[in-house]
């Protein structure tokens, strides 16, 4: 834990996921419920990390 930093992926550090979901619903970007939306976003995040690692 050098300098208090554990995770090197800054995309994980961010805002409240519920607030992001509420904004997506308000902007008509999703019709998914929070849990389904969170699963979708999590899977996309993992796929993005795998794609970056493979490149």
C-alpha atoms as a PDB file:
ATOM      1  CA  UNK A   1       0.000   0.000   0.000  1.00  0.00           C
ATOM      2  CA  UNK A   2       2.460   2.593  -1.176  1.00  0.00           C
ATOM      3  CA  UNK A   3       1.201   6.139  -0.727  1.00  0.00           C
ATOM      4  CA  UNK A   4      -2.192   4.822   0.372  1.00  0.00           C
ATOM      5  CA  UNK A   5      -3.007   3.647  -3.166  1.00  0.00           C
ATOM      6  CA  UNK A   6      -4.209   0.073  -3.654  1.00  0.00           C
ATOM      7  CA  UNK A   7      -6.064   0.072  -6.965  1.00  0.00           C
ATOM      8  CA  UNK A   8      -4.405   1.367 -10.117  1.00  0.00           C
ATOM      9  CA  UNK A   9      -7.670   1.568 -12.070  1.00  0.00           C
ATOM     10  CA  UNK A  10      -9.026   5.136 -11.748  1.00  0.00           C
ATOM     11  CA  UNK A  11     -12.262   4.252 -13.574  1.00  0.00           C
ATOM     12  CA  UNK A  12     -13.482   2.404 -10.483  1.00  0.00           C
ATOM     13  CA  UNK A  13     -13.112   5.483  -8.327  1.00  0.00           C
ATOM     14  CA  UNK A  14     -16.015   7.757  -9.017  1.00  0.00           C
ATOM     15  CA  UNK A  15     -19.462   8.871  -8.179  1.00  0.00           C
ATOM     16  CA  UNK A  16     -22.341   7.070  -6.529  1.00  0.00           C
ATOM     17  CA  UNK A  17     -23.640   4.383  -8.929  1.00  0.00           C
ATOM     18  CA  UNK A  18     -27.225   5.042  -7.842  1.00  0.00           C
ATOM     19  CA  UNK A  19     -26.891   8.710  -8.815  1.00  0.00           C
ATOM     20  CA  UNK A  20     -25.467   7.703 -12.214  1.00  0.00           C
ATOM     21  CA  UNK A  21     -28.387   5.298 -12.711  1.00  0.00           C
ATOM     22  CA  UNK A  22     -30.950   7.969 -11.749  1.00  0.00           C
ATOM     23  CA  UNK A  23     -29.358  10.327 -14.269  1.00  0.00           C
ATOM     24  CA  UNK A  24     -29.477   7.625 -16.968  1.00  0.00           C
ATOM     25  CA  UNK A  25     -33.176   7.009 -16.250  1.00  0.00           C
ATOM     26  CA  UNK A  26     -33.954  10.739 -16.284  1.00  0.00           C
ATOM     27  CA  UNK A  27     -32.147  11.124 -19.619  1.00  0.00           C
ATOM     28  CA  UNK A  28     -34.019   8.127 -21.108  1.00  0.00           C
ATOM     29  CA  UNK A  29     -30.762   6.191 -21.522  1.00  0.00           C
ATOM     30  CA  UNK A  30     -32.040   3.096 -19.712  1.00  0.00           C
ATOM     31  CA  UNK A  31     -35.254   1.415 -18.693  1.00  0.00           C
ATOM     32  CA  UNK A  32     -33.501  -1.121 -16.489  1.00  0.00           C
ATOM     33  CA  UNK A  33     -34.037  -1.307 -12.765  1.00  0.00           C
ATOM     34  CA  UNK A  34     -31.066  -0.368 -10.587  1.00  0.00           C
ATOM     35  CA  UNK A  35     -29.853  -3.922  -9.925  1.00  0.00           C
ATOM     36  CA  UNK A  36     -30.104  -4.942 -13.591  1.00  0.00           C
ATOM     37  CA  UNK A  37     -28.409  -1.727 -14.689  1.00  0.00           C
ATOM     38  CA  UNK A  38     -25.615  -2.205 -12.131  1.00  0.00           C
ATOM     39  CA  UNK A  39     -25.021  -5.760 -13.389  1.00  0.00           C
ATOM     40  CA  UNK A  40     -24.915  -4.538 -17.003  1.00  0.00           C
ATOM     41  CA  UNK A  41     -22.453  -1.755 -16.181  1.00  0.00           C
ATOM     42  CA  UNK A  42     -20.287  -4.115 -14.124  1.00  0.00           C
ATOM     43  CA  UNK A  43     -20.111  -6.660 -16.947  1.00  0.00           C
ATOM     44  CA  UNK A  44     -19.226  -3.905 -19.437  1.00  0.00           C
ATOM     45  CA  UNK A  45     -16.491  -2.676 -17.103  1.00  0.00           C
ATOM     46  CA  UNK A  46     -14.971  -6.149 -16.809  1.00  0.00           C
ATOM     47  CA  UNK A  47     -15.109  -6.628 -20.586  1.00  0.00           C
ATOM     48  CA  UNK A  48     -13.392  -3.264 -21.127  1.00  0.00           C
ATOM     49  CA  UNK A  49     -10.614  -4.244 -18.702  1.00  0.00           C
ATOM     50  CA  UNK A  50     -10.162  -7.592 -20.485  1.00  0.00           C
ATOM     51  CA  UNK A  51     -10.021  -5.863 -23.872  1.00  0.00           C
ATOM     52  CA  UNK A  52      -7.391  -3.401 -22.620  1.00  0.00           C
ATOM     53  CA  UNK A  53      -5.350  -6.244 -21.155  1.00  0.00           C
ATOM     54  CA  UNK A  54      -5.521  -8.188 -24.418  1.00  0.00           C
ATOM     55  CA  UNK A  55      -4.438  -5.204 -26.537  1.00  0.00           C
END
